[in-house]
Amino acid sequence: MEVLSFPFTNEEEQSVKKLLNKFEILDINSSIAEIAIQNRKIKKIKLPDNLIASTAMNYNLVLVTHNIKDFKPLNISIIDLF
């Protein structure tokens, strides 16, 4: 949802969708929700970003983003490929 909300051309959107189809979708659960609540206490992070961060934190994953500043205060591993 977050990635596809950007204004892509039709060709770009199809390429992004093709890439995203290679990823596993992880459902939100009560553990992720609890982490999201704690994250909100640390930083008033937007809900989509918070759910992404909380999911990565719950599964001990590295978050790949170009938007590092929104995630800085959280205890999460981040990579910016750009």
N, C-alpha and C. Protein backbone atom coordinates (compact mmCIF):
# COMPACT_ATOMS: atom_id res chain seq x y z
N MET A 1 0.82 -1.20 0.00
CA MET A 1 0.00 0.00 0.00
C MET A 1 0.86 1.25 0.00
N GLU A 2 1.84 1.26 0.86
CA GLU A 2 2.67 2.45 1.00
C GLU A 2 3.43 2.76 -0.29
N VAL A 3 4.07 1.79 -0.86
CA VAL A 3 4.87 2.00 -2.07
C VAL A 3 3.98 2.36 -3.25
N LEU A 4 2.87 1.68 -3.39
CA LEU A 4 2.01 1.89 -4.55
C LEU A 4 1.18 3.17 -4.48
N SER A 5 1.28 3.90 -3.39
CA SER A 5 0.55 5.17 -3.29
C SER A 5 1.30 6.32 -3.97
N PHE A 6 2.55 6.07 -4.39
CA PHE A 6 3.31 7.10 -5.08
C PHE A 6 2.84 7.24 -6.52
N PRO A 7 2.97 8.44 -7.10
CA PRO A 7 2.50 8.66 -8.48
C PRO A 7 3.46 8.08 -9.52
N PHE A 8 3.25 6.84 -9.89
CA PHE A 8 4.06 6.18 -10.90
C PHE A 8 3.38 6.29 -12.27
N THR A 9 4.18 6.18 -13.31
CA THR A 9 3.58 5.97 -14.63
C THR A 9 3.04 4.55 -14.63
N ASN A 10 2.22 4.23 -15.58
CA ASN A 10 1.65 2.88 -15.67
C ASN A 10 2.76 1.84 -15.78
N GLU A 11 3.78 2.12 -16.58
CA GLU A 11 4.89 1.19 -16.75
C GLU A 11 5.68 1.01 -15.45
N GLU A 12 5.93 2.10 -14.75
CA GLU A 12 6.64 2.03 -13.47
C GLU A 12 5.84 1.23 -12.45
N GLU A 13 4.54 1.49 -12.40
CA GLU A 13 3.69 0.77 -11.44
C GLU A 13 3.71 -0.72 -11.71
N GLN A 14 3.67 -1.12 -12.96
CA GLN A 14 3.71 -2.54 -13.29
C GLN A 14 5.04 -3.17 -12.85
N SER A 15 6.13 -2.44 -13.03
CA SER A 15 7.45 -2.92 -12.61
C SER A 15 7.52 -3.06 -11.09
N VAL A 16 6.97 -2.08 -10.38
CA VAL A 16 6.96 -2.13 -8.91
C VAL A 16 6.12 -3.31 -8.44
N LYS A 17 4.96 -3.51 -9.03
CA LYS A 17 4.10 -4.63 -8.65
C LYS A 17 4.80 -5.96 -8.90
N LYS A 18 5.51 -6.06 -10.00
CA LYS A 18 6.25 -7.28 -10.32
C LYS A 18 7.30 -7.55 -9.24
N LEU A 19 8.00 -6.51 -8.82
CA LEU A 19 8.99 -6.65 -7.75
C LEU A 19 8.33 -7.04 -6.44
N LEU A 20 7.24 -6.36 -6.08
CA LEU A 20 6.56 -6.62 -4.81
C LEU A 20 5.99 -8.03 -4.73
N ASN A 21 5.63 -8.60 -5.86
CA ASN A 21 5.09 -9.97 -5.87
C ASN A 21 6.12 -11.00 -5.45
N LYS A 22 7.39 -10.62 -5.41
CA LYS A 22 8.45 -11.53 -4.98
C LYS A 22 8.58 -11.60 -3.46
N PHE A 23 7.91 -10.67 -2.77
CA PHE A 23 8.00 -10.59 -1.31
C PHE A 23 6.87 -11.36 -0.64
N GLU A 24 7.14 -11.85 0.56
CA GLU A 24 6.12 -12.49 1.37
C GLU A 24 5.33 -11.41 2.10
N ILE A 25 4.02 -11.55 2.13
CA ILE A 25 3.16 -10.61 2.85
C ILE A 25 2.97 -11.15 4.27
N LEU A 26 3.28 -10.31 5.24
CA LEU A 26 3.13 -10.70 6.65
C LEU A 26 1.94 -9.97 7.23
N ASP A 27 1.01 -10.71 7.78
CA ASP A 27 -0.19 -10.12 8.37
C ASP A 27 0.13 -9.43 9.69
N ILE A 28 -0.66 -8.43 10.01
CA ILE A 28 -0.54 -7.73 11.29
C ILE A 28 -1.16 -8.63 12.36
N ASN A 29 -0.46 -8.75 13.48
CA ASN A 29 -0.97 -9.54 14.59
C ASN A 29 -0.87 -8.74 15.88
N SER A 30 -1.24 -9.35 16.99
CA SER A 30 -1.25 -8.62 18.26
C SER A 30 0.16 -8.21 18.70
N SER A 31 1.18 -8.99 18.38
CA SER A 31 2.56 -8.63 18.72
C SER A 31 2.99 -7.38 17.97
N ILE A 32 2.66 -7.32 16.70
CA ILE A 32 2.99 -6.16 15.88
C ILE A 32 2.24 -4.94 16.38
N ALA A 33 0.98 -5.13 16.74
CA ALA A 33 0.17 -4.02 17.26
C ALA A 33 0.77 -3.47 18.56
N GLU A 34 1.25 -4.34 19.42
CA GLU A 34 1.86 -3.90 20.69
C GLU A 34 3.14 -3.11 20.42
N ILE A 35 3.95 -3.58 19.48
CA ILE A 35 5.16 -2.84 19.12
C ILE A 35 4.80 -1.48 18.54
N ALA A 36 3.75 -1.43 17.73
CA ALA A 36 3.30 -0.16 17.13
C ALA A 36 2.86 0.82 18.22
N ILE A 37 2.22 0.34 19.24
CA ILE A 37 1.80 1.20 20.36
C ILE A 37 3.04 1.78 21.04
N GLN A 38 4.03 0.94 21.28
CA GLN A 38 5.26 1.42 21.93
C GLN A 38 6.00 2.41 21.03
N ASN A 39 6.01 2.15 19.72
CA ASN A 39 6.65 3.08 18.78
C ASN A 39 6.00 4.45 18.81
N ARG A 40 4.67 4.47 18.92
CA ARG A 40 3.96 5.76 18.97
C ARG A 40 4.33 6.56 20.21
N LYS A 41 4.68 5.88 21.27
CA LYS A 41 5.10 6.56 22.49
C LYS A 41 6.49 7.18 22.33
N ILE A 42 7.30 6.59 21.47
CA ILE A 42 8.65 7.10 21.21
C ILE A 42 8.62 8.23 20.19
N LYS A 43 7.85 8.05 19.13
CA LYS A 43 7.78 9.02 18.04
C LYS A 43 6.38 8.99 17.44
N LYS A 44 5.84 10.13 17.14
CA LYS A 44 4.52 10.22 16.53
C LYS A 44 4.62 9.87 15.05
N ILE A 45 4.89 8.61 14.78
CA ILE A 45 5.09 8.10 13.43
C ILE A 45 3.74 7.80 12.78
N LYS A 46 3.64 8.06 11.48
CA LYS A 46 2.40 7.80 10.75
C LYS A 46 2.09 6.30 10.78
N LEU A 47 0.80 5.99 10.81
CA LEU A 47 0.36 4.60 10.95
C LEU A 47 0.96 3.66 9.90
N PRO A 48 0.94 3.99 8.59
CA PRO A 48 1.54 3.04 7.63
C PRO A 48 3.02 2.80 7.91
N ASP A 49 3.78 3.85 8.19
CA ASP A 49 5.20 3.69 8.51
C ASP A 49 5.38 2.90 9.80
N ASN A 50 4.52 3.15 10.76
CA ASN A 50 4.61 2.44 12.04
C ASN A 50 4.35 0.95 11.85
N LEU A 51 3.37 0.60 11.06
CA LEU A 51 3.08 -0.82 10.83
C LEU A 51 4.23 -1.51 10.10
N ILE A 52 4.83 -0.81 9.16
CA ILE A 52 5.99 -1.36 8.45
C ILE A 52 7.14 -1.58 9.43
N ALA A 53 7.45 -0.56 10.22
CA ALA A 53 8.54 -0.66 11.19
C ALA A 53 8.25 -1.74 12.24
N SER A 54 7.04 -1.76 12.74
CA SER A 54 6.68 -2.73 13.79
C SER A 54 6.75 -4.16 13.28
N THR A 55 6.37 -4.36 12.03
CA THR A 55 6.46 -5.70 11.43
C THR A 55 7.92 -6.12 11.32
N ALA A 56 8.76 -5.20 10.84
CA ALA A 56 10.19 -5.50 10.73
C ALA A 56 10.78 -5.81 12.11
N MET A 57 10.38 -5.03 13.10
CA MET A 57 10.89 -5.24 14.46
C MET A 57 10.42 -6.58 15.02
N ASN A 58 9.16 -6.92 14.79
CA ASN A 58 8.60 -8.17 15.31
C ASN A 58 9.32 -9.39 14.74
N TYR A 59 9.66 -9.34 13.47
CA TYR A 59 10.31 -10.48 12.82
C TYR A 59 11.83 -10.33 12.72
N ASN A 60 12.37 -9.29 13.39
CA ASN A 60 13.81 -9.03 13.38
C ASN A 60 14.35 -8.92 11.95
N LEU A 61 13.67 -8.11 11.14
CA LEU A 61 14.04 -7.89 9.75
C LEU A 61 14.70 -6.53 9.59
N VAL A 62 15.42 -6.36 8.50
CA VAL A 62 16.01 -5.07 8.15
C VAL A 62 15.00 -4.31 7.31
N LEU A 63 14.77 -3.06 7.66
CA LEU A 63 13.84 -2.21 6.91
C LEU A 63 14.60 -1.51 5.80
N VAL A 64 14.15 -1.69 4.57
CA VAL A 64 14.76 -1.04 3.41
C VAL A 64 13.88 0.14 3.04
N THR A 65 14.46 1.35 3.14
CA THR A 65 13.70 2.57 2.86
C THR A 65 14.64 3.70 2.49
N HIS A 66 14.11 4.65 1.76
CA HIS A 66 14.86 5.87 1.47
C HIS A 66 14.47 6.96 2.48
N ASN A 67 13.47 6.67 3.28
CA ASN A 67 12.90 7.60 4.25
C ASN A 67 13.43 7.31 5.66
N ILE A 68 14.72 7.37 5.82
CA ILE A 68 15.36 6.99 7.09
C ILE A 68 14.94 7.88 8.25
N LYS A 69 14.76 9.16 8.02
CA LYS A 69 14.51 10.10 9.12
C LYS A 69 13.26 9.76 9.93
N ASP A 70 12.23 9.21 9.29
CA ASP A 70 11.01 8.87 10.02
C ASP A 70 11.18 7.67 10.95
N PHE A 71 12.21 6.88 10.72
CA PHE A 71 12.41 5.67 11.50
C PHE A 71 13.58 5.77 12.49
N LYS A 72 14.36 6.85 12.39
CA LYS A 72 15.59 7.01 13.19
C LYS A 72 15.40 6.77 14.68
N PRO A 73 14.40 7.34 15.34
CA PRO A 73 14.30 7.18 16.80
C PRO A 73 13.96 5.75 17.25
N LEU A 74 13.53 4.91 16.30
CA LEU A 74 13.12 3.56 16.66
C LEU A 74 14.33 2.63 16.65
N ASN A 75 14.26 1.61 17.45
CA ASN A 75 15.35 0.64 17.53
C ASN A 75 15.17 -0.40 16.43
N ILE A 76 15.61 -0.03 15.21
CA ILE A 76 15.39 -0.89 14.05
C ILE A 76 16.58 -0.80 13.10
N SER A 77 16.89 -1.91 12.47
CA SER A 77 17.96 -1.91 11.46
C SER A 77 17.39 -1.39 10.15
N ILE A 78 18.10 -0.42 9.55
CA ILE A 78 17.63 0.23 8.34
C ILE A 78 18.72 0.23 7.28
N ILE A 79 18.32 0.01 6.03
CA ILE A 79 19.21 0.16 4.89
C ILE A 79 18.55 1.09 3.89
N ASP A 80 19.32 2.05 3.40
CA ASP A 80 18.87 2.94 2.34
C ASP A 80 19.67 2.58 1.09
N LEU A 81 19.02 1.94 0.12
CA LEU A 81 19.70 1.51 -1.09
C LEU A 81 19.92 2.64 -2.08
N PHE A 82 19.38 3.81 -1.79
CA PHE A 82 19.49 4.91 -2.73
C PHE A 82 20.55 5.86 -2.24
